[in-house]
């Protein structure tokens, strides 16, 4: 039995020249356009140096050289859980995420009373985190999460992120935002 990797679809609009160049590259190289794009993306990700590594990440993880986007995203990849993959990416390469995603993830991480649970963001065996409790006693983020609770509140989390993006002059925490919503008179 052949096991196929799950594939993703990307819809792109490109100039006629870019499309012709892609097709030309594919023909010259004897590859499909998809394969050419995948190789070009991998090459660019390997050259892209990541700066946004969280302070709780063990420096030994990237001490052998520059920390690249490709290394970070490969380590962050969890196919079954998109939110867990984004949380892992937040720690390893937060600049690879949209501003909206960062706000949403910070709401999860900095609301441990709401979102703490039994699911490790990184398994201890992966040796990604330094000991966050000992080295950062003031750090009250959730390092273990409740995926069911996150999924239950996902629409509220997305609404919160949109609110924060649109209202840059106010920055309530997620819990404060929920209180504001409850206090708002219904029309």
N, C-alpha and C. Protein backbone atom coordinates (compact mmCIF):
# COMPACT_ATOMS: atom_id res chain seq x y z
N UNK A 1 0.84 -1.18 0.00
CA UNK A 1 0.00 0.00 0.00
C UNK A 1 0.89 1.25 0.00
N UNK A 2 0.57 2.20 -0.85
CA UNK A 2 1.32 3.45 -0.95
C UNK A 2 0.74 4.45 0.04
N UNK A 3 1.62 5.05 0.85
CA UNK A 3 1.19 6.07 1.80
C UNK A 3 1.53 7.43 1.19
N UNK A 4 0.53 8.25 1.01
CA UNK A 4 0.74 9.57 0.41
C UNK A 4 0.77 10.63 1.50
N UNK A 5 1.64 11.61 1.30
CA UNK A 5 1.69 12.74 2.21
C UNK A 5 0.47 13.62 1.95
N UNK A 6 -0.04 14.20 3.00
CA UNK A 6 -1.14 15.14 2.84
C UNK A 6 -0.58 16.38 2.14
N UNK A 7 -1.26 16.82 1.10
CA UNK A 7 -0.79 17.98 0.35
C UNK A 7 -1.69 19.18 0.63
N UNK A 8 -1.13 20.33 0.45
CA UNK A 8 -1.85 21.59 0.61
C UNK A 8 -2.01 22.23 -0.75
N UNK A 9 -3.02 23.07 -0.90
CA UNK A 9 -3.25 23.79 -2.13
C UNK A 9 -3.03 25.27 -1.88
N UNK A 10 -2.30 25.91 -2.79
CA UNK A 10 -2.08 27.35 -2.72
C UNK A 10 -2.59 27.95 -4.03
N UNK A 11 -3.39 28.97 -3.92
CA UNK A 11 -3.87 29.68 -5.10
C UNK A 11 -3.12 31.01 -5.16
N UNK A 12 -2.40 31.23 -6.25
CA UNK A 12 -1.60 32.43 -6.40
C UNK A 12 -1.97 33.17 -7.68
N UNK A 13 -1.90 34.49 -7.61
CA UNK A 13 -2.01 35.31 -8.81
C UNK A 13 -0.62 35.85 -9.08
N UNK A 14 -0.11 35.60 -10.27
CA UNK A 14 1.22 36.08 -10.63
C UNK A 14 1.15 36.74 -12.00
N UNK A 15 2.18 37.52 -12.29
CA UNK A 15 2.23 38.16 -13.61
C UNK A 15 2.45 37.10 -14.68
N UNK A 16 2.14 37.46 -15.91
CA UNK A 16 2.35 36.53 -17.03
C UNK A 16 3.83 36.17 -17.14
N UNK A 17 4.71 37.11 -16.86
CA UNK A 17 6.15 36.85 -16.93
C UNK A 17 6.56 35.83 -15.87
N UNK A 18 6.05 35.98 -14.65
CA UNK A 18 6.39 35.03 -13.58
C UNK A 18 5.90 33.64 -13.92
N UNK A 19 4.70 33.55 -14.46
CA UNK A 19 4.16 32.24 -14.84
C UNK A 19 5.02 31.61 -15.95
N UNK A 20 5.41 32.40 -16.94
CA UNK A 20 6.25 31.90 -18.03
C UNK A 20 7.61 31.44 -17.49
N UNK A 21 8.17 32.21 -16.56
CA UNK A 21 9.45 31.83 -15.95
C UNK A 21 9.33 30.52 -15.19
N UNK A 22 8.25 30.35 -14.44
CA UNK A 22 8.04 29.10 -13.70
C UNK A 22 7.93 27.93 -14.66
N UNK A 23 7.12 28.07 -15.67
CA UNK A 23 6.96 26.99 -16.65
C UNK A 23 8.29 26.71 -17.36
N UNK A 24 9.03 27.77 -17.69
CA UNK A 24 10.33 27.61 -18.33
C UNK A 24 11.31 26.88 -17.43
N UNK A 25 11.37 27.29 -16.15
CA UNK A 25 12.24 26.61 -15.18
C UNK A 25 11.89 25.13 -15.08
N UNK A 26 10.60 24.85 -14.99
CA UNK A 26 10.16 23.46 -14.87
C UNK A 26 10.60 22.65 -16.09
N UNK A 27 10.43 23.21 -17.27
CA UNK A 27 10.83 22.50 -18.49
C UNK A 27 12.34 22.29 -18.56
N UNK A 28 13.11 23.35 -18.26
CA UNK A 28 14.57 23.26 -18.29
C UNK A 28 15.07 22.23 -17.29
N UNK A 29 14.48 22.21 -16.11
CA UNK A 29 14.94 21.32 -15.04
C UNK A 29 14.33 19.92 -15.13
N UNK A 30 13.35 19.75 -16.01
CA UNK A 30 12.70 18.45 -16.14
C UNK A 30 11.85 18.10 -14.93
N UNK A 31 11.25 19.11 -14.32
CA UNK A 31 10.44 18.92 -13.12
C UNK A 31 9.07 19.54 -13.33
N UNK A 32 8.17 19.27 -12.40
CA UNK A 32 6.87 19.93 -12.45
C UNK A 32 6.99 21.33 -11.87
N UNK A 33 6.05 22.18 -12.22
CA UNK A 33 6.03 23.54 -11.66
C UNK A 33 5.91 23.48 -10.14
N UNK A 34 5.13 22.55 -9.64
CA UNK A 34 4.96 22.39 -8.19
C UNK A 34 6.30 22.06 -7.54
N UNK A 35 7.04 21.13 -8.12
CA UNK A 35 8.33 20.73 -7.55
C UNK A 35 9.32 21.89 -7.56
N UNK A 36 9.33 22.66 -8.66
CA UNK A 36 10.21 23.83 -8.75
C UNK A 36 9.87 24.83 -7.65
N UNK A 37 8.58 25.12 -7.47
CA UNK A 37 8.16 26.05 -6.42
C UNK A 37 8.55 25.54 -5.04
N UNK A 38 8.32 24.26 -4.77
CA UNK A 38 8.67 23.69 -3.47
C UNK A 38 10.16 23.84 -3.20
N UNK A 39 10.99 23.57 -4.19
CA UNK A 39 12.43 23.69 -4.00
C UNK A 39 12.86 25.14 -3.79
N UNK A 40 12.26 26.07 -4.53
CA UNK A 40 12.59 27.48 -4.37
C UNK A 40 12.18 27.99 -2.99
N UNK A 41 11.02 27.56 -2.53
CA UNK A 41 10.54 27.96 -1.20
C UNK A 41 11.46 27.40 -0.12
N UNK A 42 11.82 26.13 -0.24
CA UNK A 42 12.72 25.50 0.75
C UNK A 42 14.07 26.22 0.77
N UNK A 43 14.58 26.57 -0.40
CA UNK A 43 15.87 27.27 -0.48
C UNK A 43 15.78 28.65 0.20
N UNK A 44 14.70 29.37 -0.05
CA UNK A 44 14.51 30.70 0.56
C UNK A 44 14.34 30.57 2.08
N UNK A 45 13.59 29.57 2.54
CA UNK A 45 13.37 29.37 3.98
C UNK A 45 14.67 29.00 4.68
N UNK A 46 15.55 28.27 3.99
CA UNK A 46 16.84 27.90 4.58
C UNK A 46 17.77 29.10 4.68
N UNK A 47 17.58 30.09 3.83
CA UNK A 47 18.41 31.30 3.87
C UNK A 47 17.85 32.37 4.81
N UNK A 48 16.59 32.25 5.17
CA UNK A 48 15.92 33.25 6.02
C UNK A 48 16.27 33.00 7.49
N UNK A 49 17.00 33.93 8.08
CA UNK A 49 17.42 33.80 9.48
C UNK A 49 16.32 34.35 10.39
N UNK A 50 15.99 33.59 11.41
CA UNK A 50 14.93 33.95 12.35
C UNK A 50 15.53 34.72 13.52
N UNK A 51 14.87 35.79 13.89
CA UNK A 51 15.31 36.59 15.04
C UNK A 51 14.41 36.36 16.26
N UNK A 52 13.12 36.09 16.03
CA UNK A 52 12.13 36.04 17.11
C UNK A 52 12.05 34.72 17.84
N UNK A 53 13.11 34.38 18.55
CA UNK A 53 13.12 33.14 19.33
C UNK A 53 12.81 33.49 20.78
N UNK A 54 11.85 32.84 21.37
CA UNK A 54 11.43 33.11 22.74
C UNK A 54 12.56 32.83 23.73
N UNK A 55 12.60 33.59 24.80
CA UNK A 55 13.65 33.46 25.82
C UNK A 55 13.61 32.12 26.54
N UNK A 56 12.49 31.41 26.50
CA UNK A 56 12.40 30.12 27.19
C UNK A 56 12.97 28.97 26.36
N UNK A 57 13.34 29.25 25.10
CA UNK A 57 13.89 28.21 24.24
C UNK A 57 15.35 27.97 24.60
N UNK A 58 15.71 26.71 24.70
CA UNK A 58 17.07 26.33 25.06
C UNK A 58 18.03 26.74 23.94
N UNK A 59 19.03 27.53 24.27
CA UNK A 59 20.00 28.05 23.31
C UNK A 59 20.75 26.92 22.60
N UNK A 60 20.87 25.77 23.22
CA UNK A 60 21.55 24.63 22.60
C UNK A 60 20.84 24.16 21.33
N UNK A 61 19.56 24.50 21.22
CA UNK A 61 18.78 24.12 20.05
C UNK A 61 19.34 24.74 18.78
N UNK A 62 19.82 25.96 18.88
CA UNK A 62 20.30 26.66 17.68
C UNK A 62 21.75 27.13 17.80
N UNK A 63 22.49 26.57 18.73
CA UNK A 63 23.88 27.01 18.94
C UNK A 63 24.83 26.54 17.84
N UNK A 64 24.39 25.59 17.00
CA UNK A 64 25.27 25.09 15.95
C UNK A 64 25.33 26.00 14.73
N UNK A 65 24.67 27.12 14.76
CA UNK A 65 24.67 28.04 13.63
C UNK A 65 23.46 28.94 13.68
N UNK A 66 23.14 29.53 12.55
CA UNK A 66 22.00 30.44 12.49
C UNK A 66 20.70 29.64 12.55
N UNK A 67 19.73 30.23 13.20
CA UNK A 67 18.41 29.62 13.32
C UNK A 67 17.61 30.08 12.11
N UNK A 68 17.25 29.15 11.24
CA UNK A 68 16.56 29.52 10.01
C UNK A 68 15.06 29.25 10.12
N UNK A 69 14.34 29.90 9.24
CA UNK A 69 12.89 29.71 9.18
C UNK A 69 12.57 28.25 8.88
N UNK A 70 13.33 27.64 8.01
CA UNK A 70 13.08 26.24 7.68
C UNK A 70 13.23 25.35 8.91
N UNK A 71 14.30 25.53 9.69
CA UNK A 71 14.50 24.72 10.91
C UNK A 71 13.34 24.94 11.88
N UNK A 72 12.98 26.20 12.09
CA UNK A 72 11.91 26.52 13.04
C UNK A 72 10.59 25.89 12.63
N UNK A 73 10.22 26.04 11.36
CA UNK A 73 8.91 25.53 10.92
C UNK A 73 8.87 24.02 10.84
N UNK A 74 10.00 23.41 10.55
CA UNK A 74 10.04 21.94 10.58
C UNK A 74 9.84 21.43 12.01
N UNK A 75 10.47 22.09 12.96
CA UNK A 75 10.33 21.69 14.36
C UNK A 75 8.93 22.00 14.90
N UNK A 76 8.33 23.06 14.42
CA UNK A 76 7.00 23.46 14.88
C UNK A 76 5.89 22.59 14.29
N UNK A 77 6.17 21.93 13.20
CA UNK A 77 5.12 21.23 12.45
C UNK A 77 4.47 20.10 13.26
N UNK A 78 3.17 20.22 13.39
CA UNK A 78 2.31 19.19 14.00
C UNK A 78 1.09 19.09 13.08
N UNK A 79 1.00 18.07 12.24
CA UNK A 79 -0.06 18.06 11.24
C UNK A 79 -1.48 17.96 11.80
N UNK A 80 -1.65 17.31 12.94
CA UNK A 80 -3.01 17.06 13.44
C UNK A 80 -3.63 18.26 14.16
N UNK A 81 -2.82 19.16 14.66
CA UNK A 81 -3.31 20.25 15.50
C UNK A 81 -2.81 21.61 15.01
N UNK A 82 -3.59 22.30 14.19
CA UNK A 82 -3.14 23.60 13.66
C UNK A 82 -2.83 24.63 14.75
N UNK A 83 -3.60 24.68 15.82
CA UNK A 83 -3.35 25.69 16.86
C UNK A 83 -2.07 25.35 17.62
N UNK A 84 -1.80 24.07 17.83
CA UNK A 84 -0.57 23.65 18.49
C UNK A 84 0.64 23.98 17.61
N UNK A 85 0.49 23.79 16.31
CA UNK A 85 1.56 24.15 15.37
C UNK A 85 1.84 25.65 15.44
N UNK A 86 0.80 26.47 15.51
CA UNK A 86 1.00 27.93 15.61
C UNK A 86 1.63 28.31 16.94
N UNK A 87 1.23 27.66 18.03
CA UNK A 87 1.84 27.94 19.33
C UNK A 87 3.33 27.60 19.31
N UNK A 88 3.66 26.47 18.71
CA UNK A 88 5.06 26.08 18.61
C UNK A 88 5.84 27.08 17.75
N UNK A 89 5.22 27.53 16.66
CA UNK A 89 5.85 28.52 15.80
C UNK A 89 6.06 29.83 16.55
N UNK A 90 5.11 30.18 17.41
CA UNK A 90 5.23 31.41 18.20
C UNK A 90 6.52 31.41 19.03
N UNK A 91 6.84 30.28 19.62
CA UNK A 91 8.06 30.19 20.43
C UNK A 91 9.33 30.15 19.58
N UNK A 92 9.25 29.53 18.42
CA UNK A 92 10.45 29.28 17.61
C UNK A 92 10.73 30.34 16.54
N UNK A 93 9.68 31.03 16.08
CA UNK A 93 9.85 32.02 15.00
C UNK A 93 8.61 32.88 14.90
N UNK A 94 8.37 33.70 15.94
CA UNK A 94 7.11 34.44 15.98
C UNK A 94 6.93 35.38 14.79
N UNK A 95 8.01 35.83 14.17
CA UNK A 95 7.87 36.74 13.03
C UNK A 95 7.27 36.04 11.80
N UNK A 96 7.19 34.72 11.83
CA UNK A 96 6.59 33.96 10.73
C UNK A 96 5.05 33.95 10.82
N UNK A 97 4.51 34.53 11.88
CA UNK A 97 3.06 34.56 12.10
C UNK A 97 2.51 35.94 11.80
N UNK A 98 1.24 35.99 11.46
CA UNK A 98 0.57 37.28 11.25
C UNK A 98 0.38 37.97 12.59
N UNK A 99 0.17 39.27 12.57
CA UNK A 99 -0.07 40.02 13.82
C UNK A 99 -1.32 39.48 14.52
N UNK A 100 -2.35 39.17 13.74
CA UNK A 100 -3.59 38.62 14.32
C UNK A 100 -3.31 37.30 15.04
N UNK A 101 -2.54 36.42 14.41
CA UNK A 101 -2.20 35.15 15.05
C UNK A 101 -1.43 35.38 16.34
N UNK A 102 -0.49 36.32 16.33
CA UNK A 102 0.29 36.60 17.55
C UNK A 102 -0.61 37.06 18.69
N UNK A 103 -1.55 37.93 18.41
CA UNK A 103 -2.48 38.41 19.43
C UNK A 103 -3.29 37.24 19.98
N UNK A 104 -3.81 36.41 19.10
CA UNK A 104 -4.62 35.26 19.50
C UNK A 104 -3.79 34.28 20.34
N UNK A 105 -2.57 34.00 19.92
CA UNK A 105 -1.71 33.06 20.65
C UNK A 105 -1.30 33.62 22.00
N UNK A 106 -1.01 34.91 22.05
CA UNK A 106 -0.67 35.54 23.33
C UNK A 106 -1.85 35.49 24.29
N UNK A 107 -3.06 35.63 23.76
CA UNK A 107 -4.25 35.51 24.61
C UNK A 107 -4.31 34.12 25.25
N UNK A 108 -3.98 33.11 24.48
CA UNK A 108 -3.98 31.74 25.01
C UNK A 108 -2.86 31.57 26.05
N UNK A 109 -1.66 31.97 25.67
CA UNK A 109 -0.50 31.75 26.53
C UNK A 109 -0.57 32.55 27.83
N UNK A 110 -1.09 33.77 27.78
CA UNK A 110 -1.11 34.64 28.95
C UNK A 110 -2.44 34.58 29.70
N UNK A 111 -3.26 33.58 29.40
CA UNK A 111 -4.50 33.34 30.15
C UNK A 111 -4.48 31.91 30.69
N UNK A 112 -3.49 31.59 31.54
CA UNK A 112 -3.37 30.21 32.00
C UNK A 112 -4.57 29.75 32.81
N UNK A 113 -5.28 30.67 33.49
CA UNK A 113 -6.46 30.27 34.25
C UNK A 113 -7.56 29.75 33.32
N UNK A 114 -7.53 30.19 32.08
CA UNK A 114 -8.55 29.80 31.11
C UNK A 114 -8.09 28.61 30.26
N UNK A 115 -6.83 28.64 29.82
CA UNK A 115 -6.39 27.70 28.79
C UNK A 115 -5.35 26.67 29.21
N UNK A 116 -4.94 26.65 30.48
CA UNK A 116 -3.98 25.62 30.91
C UNK A 116 -4.65 24.26 30.85
N UNK A 117 -3.85 23.26 30.52
CA UNK A 117 -4.39 21.90 30.43
C UNK A 117 -3.30 20.87 30.47
N UNK A 118 -3.55 19.73 29.84
CA UNK A 118 -2.63 18.60 29.91
C UNK A 118 -1.78 18.42 28.65
N UNK A 119 -2.04 19.20 27.61
CA UNK A 119 -1.29 19.05 26.36
C UNK A 119 -0.05 19.93 26.37
N UNK A 120 1.11 19.31 26.29
CA UNK A 120 2.37 20.05 26.23
C UNK A 120 2.50 20.73 24.88
N UNK A 121 2.93 21.99 24.88
CA UNK A 121 3.23 22.67 23.62
C UNK A 121 4.44 21.98 22.98
N UNK A 122 5.45 21.71 23.78
CA UNK A 122 6.60 20.89 23.37
C UNK A 122 6.74 19.78 24.39
N UNK A 123 6.95 18.57 23.92
CA UNK A 123 7.17 17.45 24.82
C UNK A 123 8.52 17.61 25.51
N UNK A 124 8.62 17.16 26.73
CA UNK A 124 9.88 17.23 27.46
C UNK A 124 11.00 16.53 26.70
N UNK A 125 10.65 15.43 26.02
CA UNK A 125 11.66 14.67 25.26
C UNK A 125 12.22 15.45 24.08
N UNK A 126 11.53 16.46 23.62
CA UNK A 126 12.03 17.28 22.51
C UNK A 126 13.15 18.23 22.96
N UNK A 127 13.21 18.49 24.25
CA UNK A 127 14.25 19.33 24.84
C UNK A 127 14.32 20.71 24.17
N UNK A 128 13.17 21.34 24.06
CA UNK A 128 13.07 22.66 23.42
C UNK A 128 13.16 23.76 24.48
N UNK A 129 12.38 23.63 25.54
CA UNK A 129 12.36 24.64 26.58
C UNK A 129 13.50 24.44 27.57
N UNK A 130 14.05 25.57 28.03
CA UNK A 130 14.84 25.51 29.25
C UNK A 130 13.79 25.24 30.33
N UNK A 131 14.16 25.13 31.55
CA UNK A 131 13.15 24.95 32.58
C UNK A 131 12.48 26.31 32.81
N UNK A 132 11.29 26.53 32.21
CA UNK A 132 10.66 27.85 32.28
C UNK A 132 10.25 28.25 33.69
N UNK A 133 9.94 27.30 34.54
CA UNK A 133 9.51 27.65 35.89
C UNK A 133 10.68 28.15 36.71
N UNK A 134 11.81 27.47 36.63
CA UNK A 134 12.97 27.86 37.42
C UNK A 134 13.63 29.13 36.89
N UNK A 135 13.77 29.26 35.58
CA UNK A 135 14.48 30.39 35.03
C UNK A 135 13.62 31.64 34.91
N UNK A 136 12.34 31.47 34.83
CA UNK A 136 11.42 32.61 34.66
C UNK A 136 10.25 32.49 35.63
N UNK A 137 10.48 32.67 36.94
CA UNK A 137 9.40 32.49 37.90
C UNK A 137 8.26 33.50 37.71
N UNK A 138 8.56 34.65 37.10
CA UNK A 138 7.53 35.66 36.85
C UNK A 138 6.72 35.34 35.60
N UNK A 139 7.16 34.38 34.83
CA UNK A 139 6.52 34.02 33.57
C UNK A 139 5.28 33.18 33.88
N UNK A 140 4.12 33.76 33.73
CA UNK A 140 2.88 33.05 34.07
C UNK A 140 2.16 32.52 32.84
N UNK A 141 2.90 32.31 31.79
CA UNK A 141 2.31 31.76 30.58
C UNK A 141 1.96 30.29 30.76
N UNK A 142 1.06 29.84 29.93
CA UNK A 142 0.71 28.43 29.91
C UNK A 142 1.68 27.70 28.99
N UNK A 143 2.34 26.67 29.49
CA UNK A 143 3.23 25.86 28.67
C UNK A 143 2.57 24.50 28.37
N UNK A 144 1.44 24.26 29.04
CA UNK A 144 0.58 23.11 28.78
C UNK A 144 -0.81 23.69 28.57
N UNK A 145 -1.48 23.23 27.54
CA UNK A 145 -2.74 23.86 27.17
C UNK A 145 -3.89 22.85 27.11
N UNK A 146 -5.09 23.40 27.11
CA UNK A 146 -6.32 22.61 26.98
C UNK A 146 -6.85 22.86 25.57
N UNK A 147 -6.57 21.95 24.65
CA UNK A 147 -6.98 22.13 23.25
C UNK A 147 -8.49 22.19 23.10
N UNK A 148 -9.22 21.43 23.91
CA UNK A 148 -10.69 21.46 23.83
C UNK A 148 -11.22 22.85 24.19
N UNK A 149 -10.66 23.44 25.26
CA UNK A 149 -11.11 24.78 25.68
C UNK A 149 -10.73 25.82 24.63
N UNK A 150 -9.56 25.70 24.06
CA UNK A 150 -9.15 26.63 23.00
C UNK A 150 -10.11 26.52 21.82
N UNK A 151 -10.43 25.31 21.41
CA UNK A 151 -11.36 25.12 20.29
C UNK A 151 -12.75 25.64 20.63
N UNK A 152 -13.18 25.47 21.88
CA UNK A 152 -14.49 25.98 22.31
C UNK A 152 -14.53 27.50 22.22
N UNK A 153 -13.43 28.14 22.53
CA UNK A 153 -13.40 29.60 22.56
C UNK A 153 -12.77 30.24 21.32
N UNK A 154 -12.52 29.45 20.29
CA UNK A 154 -11.81 29.97 19.12
C UNK A 154 -12.50 31.17 18.48
N UNK A 155 -13.81 31.16 18.37
CA UNK A 155 -14.48 32.32 17.75
C UNK A 155 -14.31 33.57 18.61
N UNK A 156 -14.34 33.42 19.93
CA UNK A 156 -14.10 34.56 20.82
C UNK A 156 -12.64 35.03 20.73
N UNK A 157 -11.72 34.09 20.63
CA UNK A 157 -10.30 34.45 20.49
C UNK A 157 -10.07 35.22 19.19
N UNK A 158 -10.69 34.78 18.11
CA UNK A 158 -10.55 35.47 16.83
C UNK A 158 -11.18 36.86 16.90
N UNK A 159 -12.32 36.95 17.55
CA UNK A 159 -13.00 38.23 17.73
C UNK A 159 -12.12 39.19 18.56
N UNK A 160 -11.50 38.65 19.61
CA UNK A 160 -10.60 39.43 20.45
C UNK A 160 -9.42 39.96 19.63
N UNK A 161 -8.82 39.10 18.82
CA UNK A 161 -7.68 39.51 18.00
C UNK A 161 -8.10 40.62 17.02
N UNK A 162 -9.25 40.49 16.41
CA UNK A 162 -9.76 41.53 15.50
C UNK A 162 -9.98 42.84 16.26
N UNK A 163 -10.55 42.75 17.46
CA UNK A 163 -10.76 43.94 18.29
C UNK A 163 -9.44 44.64 18.57
N UNK A 164 -8.43 43.87 18.96
CA UNK A 164 -7.13 44.46 19.28
C UNK A 164 -6.49 45.09 18.05
N UNK A 165 -6.66 44.48 16.89
CA UNK A 165 -6.10 45.04 15.66
C UNK A 165 -6.78 46.36 15.29
N UNK A 166 -8.08 46.43 15.50
CA UNK A 166 -8.84 47.62 15.12
C UNK A 166 -8.76 48.74 16.16
N UNK A 167 -8.46 48.39 17.41
CA UNK A 167 -8.43 49.36 18.50
C UNK A 167 -7.04 49.39 19.13
N UNK A 168 -6.11 49.96 18.41
CA UNK A 168 -4.71 49.93 18.85
C UNK A 168 -4.45 50.75 20.12
N UNK A 169 -5.34 51.71 20.43
CA UNK A 169 -5.12 52.56 21.60
C UNK A 169 -5.51 51.87 22.91
N UNK A 170 -6.25 50.78 22.84
CA UNK A 170 -6.59 50.01 24.04
C UNK A 170 -6.04 48.60 23.87
N UNK A 171 -5.59 48.04 24.96
CA UNK A 171 -5.03 46.69 24.86
C UNK A 171 -5.43 45.85 26.07
N UNK A 172 -6.70 45.53 26.15
CA UNK A 172 -7.12 44.69 27.27
C UNK A 172 -6.58 43.27 27.11
N UNK A 173 -6.42 42.58 28.22
CA UNK A 173 -6.09 41.16 28.15
C UNK A 173 -7.33 40.43 27.65
N UNK A 174 -7.17 39.17 27.32
CA UNK A 174 -8.31 38.39 26.85
C UNK A 174 -9.40 38.32 27.92
N UNK A 175 -9.00 38.10 29.16
CA UNK A 175 -9.97 38.00 30.27
C UNK A 175 -10.69 39.35 30.45
N UNK A 176 -9.95 40.46 30.37
CA UNK A 176 -10.57 41.79 30.47
C UNK A 176 -11.54 42.02 29.31
N UNK A 177 -11.16 41.55 28.13
CA UNK A 177 -12.03 41.69 26.96
C UNK A 177 -13.34 40.92 27.18
N UNK A 178 -13.26 39.71 27.74
CA UNK A 178 -14.47 38.93 28.02
C UNK A 178 -15.36 39.66 29.02
N UNK A 179 -14.74 40.28 30.04
CA UNK A 179 -15.53 41.05 31.01
C UNK A 179 -16.20 42.24 30.35
N UNK A 180 -15.47 42.92 29.46
CA UNK A 180 -16.05 44.06 28.72
C UNK A 180 -17.25 43.61 27.90
N UNK A 181 -17.16 42.46 27.28
CA UNK A 181 -18.27 41.94 26.46
C UNK A 181 -19.49 41.64 27.33
N UNK A 182 -19.23 41.07 28.51
CA UNK A 182 -20.35 40.75 29.43
C UNK A 182 -21.02 42.01 29.95
N UNK A 183 -20.23 43.05 30.21
CA UNK A 183 -20.75 44.29 30.77
C UNK A 183 -21.47 45.15 29.74
N UNK A 184 -21.20 44.89 28.47
CA UNK A 184 -21.81 45.67 27.39
C UNK A 184 -23.32 45.44 27.37
N UNK A 185 -24.13 46.52 27.43
CA UNK A 185 -25.58 46.32 27.39
C UNK A 185 -26.01 45.74 26.04
N UNK A 186 -26.91 44.81 26.09
CA UNK A 186 -27.42 44.20 24.86
C UNK A 186 -28.50 45.09 24.26
N UNK A 187 -28.42 45.31 22.93
CA UNK A 187 -29.43 46.16 22.28
C UNK A 187 -30.52 45.36 21.67
